[in-house]
Amino acid sequence: MIELLRSRAAAYAAAARLLAVLLLPVAFVCSPRRAHYLACQWALALRYPAENLAGLTPAAREAFTAARTEAFWRDGQLIGLTSGHRDAAEQHAMFTAEVRRTGSVGQARRRVLPPEESGHVAGYALDVRPTEGAAWLERHGAAYRLHRRYDNEWWHFEYHADTVPLRLPCPGTLPAVVA
C-alpha cells in the first residue's frame, strides 16, 4: 500500500512538472518576466487544489511562493501548503480538542498552541508537504526567511523577517535561558 501511495505521488509530481513546462509559453505571453513563477504557481494549484494562501501575511505568502518556485525549477521539488492561516475560532477548536485528547493543557501545548500564541492565527506560520518538500525548505528556507520552528513538527515553518527564531523541541516550550 505504501509503495502504491509513493508511486502515485511520484506520478502526480511528474505530471505537475510536465504541466508547468507546457504552461510556460502561456505564462510568457501573460508576463514575460514572471513566466517561470506563473507556470509554477498554476501547476502547483492544480496539483494541490485545496491549498489556500489567503490570510497569510503578504510577506509570508511572497516568501513561500518564491521558495517553492525555486524548489520547483531548480531542483524539481514540489512544495504544497497543508495549512496556513487559521482563524482564532479554528485554532481554539484544535487546541480544545487536543486538551480533551491528552487530558491536560500542558500536554496539548506540545502539539497545538492556543490562538493567542499561534503563528497560524497571525498569518506567518505554514504547514507544508510532502516530507521531501519540507526537507528542501529546511535546507534552503532561511534564504526566504522561512524557518522550521519545532523539532517534533517536520512540516511547520514560520516566516520571520528580521530574526532567526530559536528552534524549539515542540510548541509550548520556552527557549533555554543562557546564563
Protein backbone atom coordinates (compact mmCIF):
# COMPACT_ATOMS: atom_id res chain seq x y z
CA MET A 1 0.00 0.00 0.00
CA ILE A 2 2.80 2.44 0.88
CA GLU A 3 4.52 1.68 -2.42
CA LEU A 4 1.29 2.43 -4.28
CA LEU A 5 1.00 5.79 -2.50
CA ARG A 6 4.63 6.62 -3.26
CA SER A 7 4.25 5.75 -6.93
CA ARG A 8 1.03 7.77 -7.12
CA ALA A 9 2.75 10.77 -5.51
CA ALA A 10 5.65 10.43 -7.94
CA ALA A 11 3.24 10.31 -10.87
CA TYR A 12 1.42 13.44 -9.65
CA ALA A 13 4.75 15.24 -9.20
CA ALA A 14 5.87 14.28 -12.71
CA ALA A 15 2.53 15.43 -14.13
CA ALA A 16 2.84 18.77 -12.33
CA ARG A 17 6.36 19.30 -13.68
CA LEU A 18 5.25 18.43 -17.23
CA LEU A 19 2.23 20.71 -16.92
CA ALA A 20 4.41 23.62 -15.78
CA VAL A 21 6.69 23.17 -18.78
CA LEU A 22 3.67 23.08 -21.09
CA LEU A 23 2.26 26.21 -19.43
CA LEU A 24 5.48 28.21 -19.81
CA PRO A 25 4.60 29.66 -23.25
CA VAL A 26 1.20 30.84 -21.99
CA ALA A 27 2.82 32.29 -18.88
CA PHE A 28 5.41 34.04 -21.04
CA VAL A 29 2.64 35.71 -23.07
CA CYS A 30 0.90 36.81 -19.86
CA SER A 31 4.02 38.10 -18.16
CA PRO A 32 7.42 37.55 -19.79
CA ARG A 33 9.41 38.45 -16.67
CA ARG A 34 7.36 36.21 -14.39
CA ALA A 35 6.74 33.26 -16.69
CA HIS A 36 8.53 30.67 -14.55
CA TYR A 37 6.76 31.93 -11.44
CA LEU A 38 3.31 31.87 -13.06
CA ALA A 39 3.71 28.45 -14.69
CA CYS A 40 4.90 27.00 -11.39
CA GLN A 41 2.02 28.50 -9.38
CA TRP A 42 -0.55 27.33 -11.95
CA ALA A 43 0.82 23.78 -11.97
CA LEU A 44 1.02 23.63 -8.19
CA ALA A 45 -2.53 24.97 -7.87
CA LEU A 46 -3.68 22.03 -9.99
CA ARG A 47 -1.53 19.58 -8.01
CA TYR A 48 -2.71 20.92 -4.63
CA PRO A 49 -6.21 22.24 -5.39
CA ALA A 50 -7.32 22.51 -1.75
CA GLU A 51 -4.45 24.70 -0.55
CA ASN A 52 -5.30 28.22 0.49
CA LEU A 53 -2.73 31.01 0.76
CA ALA A 54 -5.35 33.59 1.80
CA GLY A 55 -4.81 35.03 5.25
CA LEU A 56 -1.05 34.70 5.20
CA THR A 57 0.74 37.99 5.67
CA PRO A 58 1.84 39.40 2.30
CA ALA A 59 5.50 38.87 3.24
CA ALA A 60 4.93 35.24 4.30
CA ARG A 61 2.94 34.50 1.12
CA GLU A 62 5.60 36.11 -1.07
CA ALA A 63 8.42 34.24 0.67
CA PHE A 64 6.62 30.90 0.39
CA THR A 65 5.73 31.27 -3.29
CA ALA A 66 9.26 32.42 -4.14
CA ALA A 67 10.80 29.50 -2.25
CA ARG A 68 8.59 26.89 -3.84
CA THR A 69 9.15 28.38 -7.29
CA GLU A 70 12.90 27.97 -6.85
CA ALA A 71 12.47 24.47 -5.43
CA PHE A 72 10.32 23.56 -8.40
CA TRP A 73 12.51 24.88 -11.22
CA ARG A 74 15.96 24.38 -9.71
CA ASP A 75 15.52 21.01 -8.02
CA GLY A 76 12.25 19.61 -9.38
CA GLN A 77 10.82 19.62 -5.84
CA LEU A 78 7.15 20.27 -5.21
CA ILE A 79 6.12 22.03 -2.00
CA GLY A 80 2.46 22.22 -1.09
CA LEU A 81 0.71 24.06 1.71
CA THR A 82 -1.30 21.87 4.05
CA SER A 83 -2.30 24.67 6.41
CA GLY A 84 -1.52 28.35 6.52
CA HIS A 85 -3.71 30.95 8.16
CA ARG A 86 -6.31 29.75 10.64
CA ASP A 87 -8.83 31.99 12.28
CA ALA A 88 -8.89 32.15 16.08
CA ALA A 89 -12.04 30.02 16.33
CA GLU A 90 -10.50 27.19 14.28
CA GLN A 91 -7.27 27.32 16.31
CA HIS A 92 -9.26 27.35 19.56
CA ALA A 93 -11.23 24.29 18.43
CA MET A 94 -7.99 22.47 17.56
CA PHE A 95 -6.46 23.38 20.92
CA THR A 96 -9.58 22.35 22.86
CA ALA A 97 -9.73 19.02 21.03
CA GLU A 98 -6.07 18.39 21.86
CA VAL A 99 -6.67 19.22 25.54
CA ARG A 100 -9.52 16.68 25.55
CA ARG A 101 -7.39 14.09 23.76
CA THR A 102 -4.33 14.44 26.01
CA GLY A 103 -6.14 15.29 29.25
CA SER A 104 -4.00 18.31 30.05
CA VAL A 105 -3.33 21.84 28.82
CA GLY A 106 0.42 21.28 29.20
CA GLN A 107 0.42 18.16 27.03
CA ALA A 108 -1.87 19.79 24.46
CA ARG A 109 0.52 22.76 24.13
CA ARG A 110 3.23 20.35 22.96
CA ARG A 111 1.24 19.85 19.75
CA VAL A 112 -1.18 22.76 19.35
CA LEU A 113 -0.93 26.30 20.69
CA PRO A 114 -3.89 28.41 21.83
CA PRO A 115 -5.00 31.09 19.33
CA GLU A 116 -3.24 33.99 21.06
CA GLU A 117 0.14 32.23 20.66
CA SER A 118 -0.29 30.65 17.23
CA GLY A 119 1.66 31.82 14.20
CA HIS A 120 -1.13 30.36 12.07
CA VAL A 121 -3.64 32.84 13.50
CA ALA A 122 -1.14 35.67 12.98
CA GLY A 123 -0.66 34.58 9.35
CA TYR A 124 3.06 33.80 9.33
CA ALA A 125 3.08 30.02 10.01
CA LEU A 126 2.89 27.39 7.28
CA ASP A 127 2.48 23.63 7.41
CA VAL A 128 3.94 22.13 4.24
CA ARG A 129 4.06 18.81 2.42
CA PRO A 130 5.44 16.40 1.28
CA THR A 131 8.31 15.42 3.56
CA GLU A 132 10.79 15.96 0.70
CA GLY A 133 9.42 19.47 0.19
CA ALA A 134 9.81 20.21 3.90
CA ALA A 135 13.38 18.89 3.76
CA TRP A 136 14.13 21.23 0.84
CA LEU A 137 12.63 24.12 2.77
CA GLU A 138 14.66 23.25 5.84
CA ARG A 139 17.87 23.35 3.76
CA HIS A 140 17.05 26.48 1.73
CA GLY A 141 14.23 28.27 3.56
CA ALA A 142 16.45 30.67 5.51
CA ALA A 143 17.22 32.45 2.24
CA TYR A 144 13.49 33.28 2.15
CA ARG A 145 13.25 33.90 5.90
CA LEU A 146 11.27 30.68 6.32
CA HIS A 147 12.43 28.65 9.31
CA ARG A 148 11.47 25.28 10.73
CA ARG A 149 10.42 26.07 14.27
CA TYR A 150 9.88 22.77 16.14
CA ASP A 151 11.85 19.53 16.32
CA ASN A 152 8.67 17.46 16.59
CA GLU A 153 6.97 19.03 13.54
CA TRP A 154 8.90 18.48 10.29
CA TRP A 155 6.11 20.28 8.43
CA HIS A 156 5.88 23.55 10.41
CA PHE A 157 7.72 26.64 9.16
CA GLU A 158 7.42 30.27 10.12
CA TYR A 159 8.26 33.48 8.31
CA HIS A 160 10.48 35.80 10.37
CA ALA A 161 11.67 38.91 8.54
CA ASP A 162 14.26 40.23 10.97
CA THR A 163 15.38 37.38 13.21
CA VAL A 164 16.19 33.70 13.05
CA PRO A 165 13.94 32.17 15.70
CA LEU A 166 15.30 29.60 18.11
CA ARG A 167 14.43 26.03 17.19
CA LEU A 168 12.35 24.56 20.00
CA PRO A 169 11.69 20.91 20.86
CA CYS A 170 7.94 21.43 20.42
CA PRO A 171 5.28 24.13 20.57
CA GLY A 172 4.65 25.48 24.03
CA THR A 173 8.23 25.12 25.26
CA LEU A 174 10.28 28.06 26.30
CA PRO A 175 13.79 28.62 24.97
CA ALA A 176 16.58 27.70 27.36
CA VAL A 177 18.00 30.67 29.21
CA VAL A 178 21.74 31.08 28.66
CA ALA A 179 23.50 32.29 31.81
